[in-house]
């Protein structure tokens, strides 16, 4: 476990171009991850689920989330200055209704992002 604090800024964190419509930056500790994503209007994050709790905070734009299983989907539109908490293992997808800046907190850190085994985004 880390015993020293890490001080950084977004400008020091490499930007990953995951596909033509989405970029990502993130930092992580041993128990959580904080990410910044930019999604262009029309970008679709395909349906997926993960064992991590997710807290999404939109600072600009809007994301349309579909949550749950096919046939019983719950739609949530999250706009600037709004948040959405997605429980672990809940299937979900997202679509950018506008150019969007999204900050996400994951607990624990996303191992698929750390290992670059996140092909659903690429």
N, C-alpha and C. Protein backbone atom coordinates (compact mmCIF):
# COMPACT_ATOMS: atom_id res chain seq x y z
N UNK A 1 0.83 -1.18 0.00
CA UNK A 1 0.00 0.00 0.00
C UNK A 1 0.88 1.25 0.00
N UNK A 2 0.48 2.25 -0.79
CA UNK A 2 1.27 3.49 -0.81
C UNK A 2 1.26 4.16 0.57
N UNK A 3 2.37 4.75 0.92
CA UNK A 3 2.47 5.45 2.20
C UNK A 3 2.74 6.94 2.01
N UNK A 4 2.86 7.37 0.74
CA UNK A 4 3.11 8.78 0.46
C UNK A 4 2.00 9.32 -0.43
N UNK A 5 1.69 10.59 -0.24
CA UNK A 5 0.68 11.25 -1.07
C UNK A 5 1.23 11.51 -2.46
N UNK A 6 0.34 11.50 -3.44
CA UNK A 6 0.69 11.83 -4.82
C UNK A 6 0.00 13.13 -5.19
N UNK A 7 0.77 14.10 -5.63
CA UNK A 7 0.22 15.38 -6.07
C UNK A 7 0.47 15.49 -7.56
N UNK A 8 -0.59 15.73 -8.34
CA UNK A 8 -0.44 15.82 -9.79
C UNK A 8 -1.49 16.77 -10.34
N UNK A 9 -1.49 16.96 -11.65
CA UNK A 9 -2.49 17.80 -12.33
C UNK A 9 -2.87 17.09 -13.62
N UNK A 10 -4.07 17.39 -14.14
CA UNK A 10 -4.53 16.73 -15.36
C UNK A 10 -3.54 16.93 -16.50
N UNK A 11 -2.92 18.10 -16.57
CA UNK A 11 -1.98 18.36 -17.68
C UNK A 11 -0.76 17.45 -17.64
N UNK A 12 -0.49 16.80 -16.51
CA UNK A 12 0.64 15.88 -16.40
C UNK A 12 0.25 14.43 -16.71
N UNK A 13 -1.03 14.17 -16.88
CA UNK A 13 -1.50 12.79 -17.08
C UNK A 13 -1.73 12.57 -18.57
N UNK A 14 -1.13 11.53 -19.14
CA UNK A 14 -1.30 11.29 -20.58
C UNK A 14 -2.77 11.11 -20.96
N UNK A 15 -3.11 11.61 -22.14
CA UNK A 15 -4.45 11.46 -22.68
C UNK A 15 -4.45 10.23 -23.59
N UNK A 16 -5.35 9.30 -23.30
CA UNK A 16 -5.52 8.11 -24.14
C UNK A 16 -6.64 8.38 -25.14
N UNK A 17 -6.34 8.24 -26.43
CA UNK A 17 -7.37 8.34 -27.47
C UNK A 17 -7.90 6.93 -27.67
N UNK A 18 -9.03 6.61 -27.04
CA UNK A 18 -9.56 5.25 -27.07
C UNK A 18 -10.18 4.90 -28.42
N UNK A 19 -10.85 5.86 -29.03
CA UNK A 19 -11.41 5.73 -30.37
C UNK A 19 -11.61 7.17 -30.86
N UNK A 20 -12.08 7.38 -32.07
CA UNK A 20 -12.20 8.76 -32.57
C UNK A 20 -13.12 9.66 -31.75
N UNK A 21 -13.97 9.08 -30.90
CA UNK A 21 -14.95 9.89 -30.18
C UNK A 21 -14.73 9.98 -28.67
N UNK A 22 -13.68 9.35 -28.15
CA UNK A 22 -13.52 9.36 -26.69
C UNK A 22 -12.05 9.39 -26.29
N UNK A 23 -11.75 10.28 -25.33
CA UNK A 23 -10.42 10.31 -24.71
C UNK A 23 -10.58 10.08 -23.22
N UNK A 24 -9.49 9.61 -22.61
CA UNK A 24 -9.55 9.27 -21.20
C UNK A 24 -8.22 9.60 -20.52
N UNK A 25 -8.33 10.05 -19.28
CA UNK A 25 -7.20 10.20 -18.37
C UNK A 25 -7.64 9.65 -17.03
N UNK A 26 -6.71 9.08 -16.27
CA UNK A 26 -7.09 8.64 -14.93
C UNK A 26 -5.88 8.55 -14.01
N UNK A 27 -6.19 8.63 -12.73
CA UNK A 27 -5.22 8.37 -11.66
C UNK A 27 -5.87 7.35 -10.74
N UNK A 28 -5.04 6.64 -9.99
CA UNK A 28 -5.62 5.66 -9.07
C UNK A 28 -4.72 5.49 -7.86
N UNK A 29 -5.36 5.09 -6.79
CA UNK A 29 -4.66 4.68 -5.59
C UNK A 29 -4.90 3.19 -5.43
N UNK A 30 -4.72 2.68 -4.24
CA UNK A 30 -4.92 1.26 -4.02
C UNK A 30 -6.40 0.89 -3.91
N UNK A 31 -7.26 1.86 -3.59
CA UNK A 31 -8.67 1.53 -3.36
C UNK A 31 -9.67 2.27 -4.23
N UNK A 32 -9.20 3.23 -5.03
CA UNK A 32 -10.13 3.97 -5.88
C UNK A 32 -9.40 4.50 -7.11
N UNK A 33 -10.20 4.92 -8.09
CA UNK A 33 -9.71 5.47 -9.35
C UNK A 33 -10.55 6.69 -9.68
N UNK A 34 -9.89 7.74 -10.22
CA UNK A 34 -10.57 8.97 -10.62
C UNK A 34 -10.23 9.20 -12.08
N UNK A 35 -11.26 9.34 -12.93
CA UNK A 35 -11.05 9.42 -14.37
C UNK A 35 -11.73 10.65 -14.94
N UNK A 36 -11.13 11.16 -16.02
CA UNK A 36 -11.71 12.26 -16.80
C UNK A 36 -11.86 11.76 -18.22
N UNK A 37 -13.09 11.81 -18.74
CA UNK A 37 -13.35 11.38 -20.10
C UNK A 37 -13.99 12.51 -20.89
N UNK A 38 -13.59 12.63 -22.14
CA UNK A 38 -14.24 13.55 -23.06
C UNK A 38 -14.88 12.71 -24.15
N UNK A 39 -16.19 12.90 -24.33
CA UNK A 39 -16.96 12.14 -25.31
C UNK A 39 -17.59 13.11 -26.30
N UNK A 40 -17.41 12.85 -27.58
CA UNK A 40 -18.03 13.69 -28.60
C UNK A 40 -19.51 13.31 -28.76
N UNK A 41 -20.32 14.28 -29.15
CA UNK A 41 -21.74 14.04 -29.37
C UNK A 41 -21.92 12.81 -30.27
N UNK A 42 -22.80 11.89 -29.87
CA UNK A 42 -23.05 10.68 -30.64
C UNK A 42 -22.21 9.49 -30.22
N UNK A 43 -21.21 9.71 -29.39
CA UNK A 43 -20.37 8.61 -28.91
C UNK A 43 -21.21 7.64 -28.09
N UNK A 44 -21.04 6.35 -28.35
CA UNK A 44 -21.76 5.33 -27.60
C UNK A 44 -20.75 4.47 -26.85
N UNK A 45 -20.94 4.36 -25.55
CA UNK A 45 -20.19 3.40 -24.74
C UNK A 45 -21.07 2.16 -24.68
N UNK A 46 -20.64 1.07 -25.33
CA UNK A 46 -21.49 -0.12 -25.42
C UNK A 46 -21.82 -0.70 -24.05
N UNK A 47 -22.87 -1.51 -24.03
CA UNK A 47 -23.28 -2.15 -22.79
C UNK A 47 -22.16 -2.97 -22.18
N UNK A 48 -22.02 -2.84 -20.87
CA UNK A 48 -20.98 -3.57 -20.13
C UNK A 48 -21.35 -3.55 -18.65
N UNK A 49 -20.62 -4.26 -17.86
CA UNK A 49 -20.75 -4.20 -16.41
C UNK A 49 -19.39 -4.52 -15.81
N UNK A 50 -19.22 -4.12 -14.56
CA UNK A 50 -17.94 -4.32 -13.90
C UNK A 50 -18.18 -4.45 -12.40
N UNK A 51 -17.23 -5.06 -11.70
CA UNK A 51 -17.39 -5.27 -10.25
C UNK A 51 -17.12 -4.02 -9.41
N UNK A 52 -16.95 -2.89 -10.08
CA UNK A 52 -16.62 -1.64 -9.41
C UNK A 52 -17.85 -0.76 -9.26
N UNK A 53 -18.03 -0.16 -8.08
CA UNK A 53 -19.03 0.89 -7.95
C UNK A 53 -18.52 2.08 -8.75
N UNK A 54 -19.44 2.81 -9.40
CA UNK A 54 -19.06 3.95 -10.24
C UNK A 54 -19.89 5.16 -9.83
N UNK A 55 -19.21 6.28 -9.66
CA UNK A 55 -19.90 7.55 -9.45
C UNK A 55 -19.52 8.44 -10.62
N UNK A 56 -20.52 8.87 -11.37
CA UNK A 56 -20.31 9.71 -12.56
C UNK A 56 -20.76 11.12 -12.25
N UNK A 57 -19.93 12.10 -12.63
CA UNK A 57 -20.25 13.51 -12.47
C UNK A 57 -19.98 14.21 -13.80
N UNK A 58 -21.00 14.84 -14.35
CA UNK A 58 -20.89 15.52 -15.64
C UNK A 58 -20.64 17.01 -15.38
N UNK A 59 -19.59 17.54 -15.98
CA UNK A 59 -19.31 18.98 -15.83
C UNK A 59 -19.74 19.77 -17.06
N UNK A 60 -19.89 19.08 -18.20
CA UNK A 60 -20.30 19.74 -19.44
C UNK A 60 -20.99 18.70 -20.31
N UNK A 61 -22.10 19.09 -20.94
CA UNK A 61 -22.79 18.18 -21.85
C UNK A 61 -23.82 17.32 -21.16
N UNK A 62 -24.10 16.15 -21.76
CA UNK A 62 -25.11 15.25 -21.22
C UNK A 62 -24.87 13.83 -21.72
N UNK A 63 -25.07 12.85 -20.83
CA UNK A 63 -24.99 11.44 -21.18
C UNK A 63 -26.34 10.79 -20.90
N UNK A 64 -26.77 9.95 -21.83
CA UNK A 64 -27.98 9.14 -21.67
C UNK A 64 -27.53 7.73 -21.30
N UNK A 65 -27.88 7.30 -20.10
CA UNK A 65 -27.53 5.97 -19.61
C UNK A 65 -28.72 5.04 -19.74
N UNK A 66 -28.46 3.81 -20.14
CA UNK A 66 -29.43 2.72 -20.05
C UNK A 66 -28.89 1.77 -19.02
N UNK A 67 -29.67 1.52 -17.97
CA UNK A 67 -29.22 0.74 -16.82
C UNK A 67 -30.10 -0.50 -16.66
N UNK A 68 -29.47 -1.63 -16.39
CA UNK A 68 -30.22 -2.86 -16.14
C UNK A 68 -30.16 -3.84 -17.28
N UNK A 69 -31.00 -4.85 -17.17
CA UNK A 69 -31.05 -5.93 -18.16
C UNK A 69 -31.97 -5.56 -19.32
N UNK A 70 -31.67 -6.13 -20.50
CA UNK A 70 -32.53 -5.95 -21.67
C UNK A 70 -33.96 -6.34 -21.30
N UNK A 71 -34.91 -5.52 -21.70
CA UNK A 71 -36.30 -5.78 -21.38
C UNK A 71 -36.78 -5.08 -20.12
N UNK A 72 -35.84 -4.62 -19.30
CA UNK A 72 -36.19 -3.90 -18.07
C UNK A 72 -35.21 -2.75 -17.86
N UNK A 73 -34.94 -2.01 -18.94
CA UNK A 73 -33.94 -0.94 -18.88
C UNK A 73 -34.52 0.32 -18.24
N UNK A 74 -33.69 0.98 -17.46
CA UNK A 74 -34.02 2.25 -16.83
C UNK A 74 -33.17 3.31 -17.51
N UNK A 75 -33.79 4.34 -18.06
CA UNK A 75 -33.06 5.41 -18.73
C UNK A 75 -32.85 6.58 -17.79
N UNK A 76 -31.63 7.08 -17.73
CA UNK A 76 -31.30 8.27 -16.95
C UNK A 76 -30.50 9.21 -17.84
N UNK A 77 -30.89 10.45 -17.91
CA UNK A 77 -30.11 11.46 -18.61
C UNK A 77 -29.42 12.30 -17.55
N UNK A 78 -28.10 12.34 -17.63
CA UNK A 78 -27.29 13.04 -16.63
C UNK A 78 -26.66 14.24 -17.33
N UNK A 79 -26.95 15.42 -16.81
CA UNK A 79 -26.48 16.68 -17.41
C UNK A 79 -25.44 17.36 -16.52
N UNK A 80 -24.92 18.48 -17.00
CA UNK A 80 -23.90 19.22 -16.26
C UNK A 80 -24.34 19.47 -14.82
N UNK A 81 -23.43 19.24 -13.90
CA UNK A 81 -23.64 19.40 -12.46
C UNK A 81 -24.58 18.37 -11.86
N UNK A 82 -24.74 17.23 -12.54
CA UNK A 82 -25.54 16.13 -12.02
C UNK A 82 -24.65 14.89 -11.89
N UNK A 83 -25.07 13.99 -11.01
CA UNK A 83 -24.30 12.78 -10.74
C UNK A 83 -25.18 11.55 -10.87
N UNK A 84 -24.55 10.42 -11.10
CA UNK A 84 -25.22 9.13 -11.16
C UNK A 84 -24.33 8.12 -10.44
N UNK A 85 -24.91 7.37 -9.53
CA UNK A 85 -24.16 6.31 -8.84
C UNK A 85 -24.64 4.99 -9.43
N UNK A 86 -23.68 4.23 -9.98
CA UNK A 86 -23.99 2.95 -10.61
C UNK A 86 -23.42 1.85 -9.71
N UNK A 87 -24.29 1.02 -9.16
CA UNK A 87 -23.80 -0.06 -8.29
C UNK A 87 -22.93 -1.06 -9.04
N UNK A 88 -22.07 -1.75 -8.32
CA UNK A 88 -21.24 -2.80 -8.91
C UNK A 88 -22.11 -3.82 -9.62
N UNK A 89 -21.64 -4.30 -10.75
CA UNK A 89 -22.25 -5.38 -11.54
C UNK A 89 -23.57 -5.02 -12.21
N UNK A 90 -23.99 -3.76 -12.20
CA UNK A 90 -25.22 -3.37 -12.89
C UNK A 90 -24.89 -3.12 -14.37
N UNK A 91 -25.50 -3.87 -15.29
CA UNK A 91 -25.24 -3.61 -16.71
C UNK A 91 -25.66 -2.19 -17.08
N UNK A 92 -24.85 -1.55 -17.93
CA UNK A 92 -25.17 -0.20 -18.36
C UNK A 92 -24.46 0.15 -19.66
N UNK A 93 -25.02 1.14 -20.36
CA UNK A 93 -24.41 1.72 -21.55
C UNK A 93 -24.64 3.22 -21.47
N UNK A 94 -23.96 3.96 -22.34
CA UNK A 94 -24.12 5.41 -22.33
C UNK A 94 -23.99 5.96 -23.75
N UNK A 95 -24.69 7.07 -23.98
CA UNK A 95 -24.59 7.78 -25.25
C UNK A 95 -24.44 9.26 -24.95
N UNK A 96 -23.47 9.90 -25.61
CA UNK A 96 -23.27 11.34 -25.44
C UNK A 96 -24.29 12.09 -26.28
N UNK A 97 -25.18 12.83 -25.62
CA UNK A 97 -26.19 13.62 -26.31
C UNK A 97 -25.62 14.95 -26.79
N UNK A 98 -24.50 15.35 -26.21
CA UNK A 98 -23.77 16.57 -26.57
C UNK A 98 -22.29 16.25 -26.35
N UNK A 99 -21.40 17.12 -26.81
CA UNK A 99 -20.01 16.98 -26.41
C UNK A 99 -19.98 17.05 -24.89
N UNK A 100 -19.32 16.08 -24.25
CA UNK A 100 -19.45 15.90 -22.81
C UNK A 100 -18.10 15.72 -22.14
N UNK A 101 -17.97 16.31 -20.96
CA UNK A 101 -16.85 16.05 -20.06
C UNK A 101 -17.41 15.36 -18.83
N UNK A 102 -16.87 14.17 -18.57
CA UNK A 102 -17.38 13.27 -17.55
C UNK A 102 -16.24 12.90 -16.60
N UNK A 103 -16.48 13.05 -15.31
CA UNK A 103 -15.54 12.58 -14.30
C UNK A 103 -16.15 11.37 -13.62
N UNK A 104 -15.37 10.30 -13.50
CA UNK A 104 -15.85 9.07 -12.87
C UNK A 104 -14.93 8.67 -11.72
N UNK A 105 -15.55 8.19 -10.66
CA UNK A 105 -14.82 7.58 -9.54
C UNK A 105 -15.21 6.11 -9.54
N UNK A 106 -14.21 5.23 -9.44
CA UNK A 106 -14.44 3.80 -9.36
C UNK A 106 -13.80 3.26 -8.09
N UNK A 107 -14.51 2.37 -7.43
CA UNK A 107 -13.94 1.69 -6.26
C UNK A 107 -14.34 0.22 -6.34
N UNK A 108 -13.36 -0.66 -6.31
CA UNK A 108 -11.92 -0.42 -6.38
C UNK A 108 -11.52 0.02 -7.79
N UNK A 109 -10.21 0.31 -8.03
CA UNK A 109 -9.77 0.71 -9.36
C UNK A 109 -10.15 -0.32 -10.43
N UNK A 110 -10.38 0.15 -11.64
CA UNK A 110 -10.74 -0.72 -12.77
C UNK A 110 -9.51 -1.47 -13.25
N UNK A 111 -9.42 -2.74 -12.99
CA UNK A 111 -8.29 -3.55 -13.45
C UNK A 111 -8.24 -3.64 -14.97
N UNK A 112 -9.42 -3.66 -15.63
CA UNK A 112 -9.41 -3.73 -17.09
C UNK A 112 -8.82 -2.47 -17.70
N UNK A 113 -8.97 -1.32 -17.06
CA UNK A 113 -8.35 -0.10 -17.56
C UNK A 113 -6.85 -0.12 -17.30
N UNK A 114 -6.47 -0.58 -16.14
CA UNK A 114 -5.03 -0.62 -15.80
C UNK A 114 -4.26 -1.55 -16.73
N UNK A 115 -4.88 -2.67 -17.08
CA UNK A 115 -4.21 -3.66 -17.95
C UNK A 115 -4.49 -3.41 -19.43
N UNK A 116 -5.27 -2.37 -19.74
CA UNK A 116 -5.65 -2.03 -21.12
C UNK A 116 -6.48 -3.14 -21.77
N UNK A 117 -7.21 -3.88 -20.95
CA UNK A 117 -8.07 -4.96 -21.43
C UNK A 117 -9.52 -4.47 -21.48
N UNK A 118 -9.72 -3.31 -22.07
CA UNK A 118 -11.03 -2.66 -22.11
C UNK A 118 -11.45 -2.45 -23.57
N UNK A 119 -11.47 -3.54 -24.32
CA UNK A 119 -11.72 -3.46 -25.76
C UNK A 119 -13.08 -2.88 -26.10
N UNK A 120 -14.05 -2.94 -25.20
CA UNK A 120 -15.37 -2.38 -25.49
C UNK A 120 -15.31 -0.87 -25.71
N UNK A 121 -14.25 -0.21 -25.23
CA UNK A 121 -14.09 1.23 -25.42
C UNK A 121 -13.21 1.59 -26.61
N UNK A 122 -12.48 0.63 -27.12
CA UNK A 122 -11.47 0.93 -28.16
C UNK A 122 -11.97 0.65 -29.56
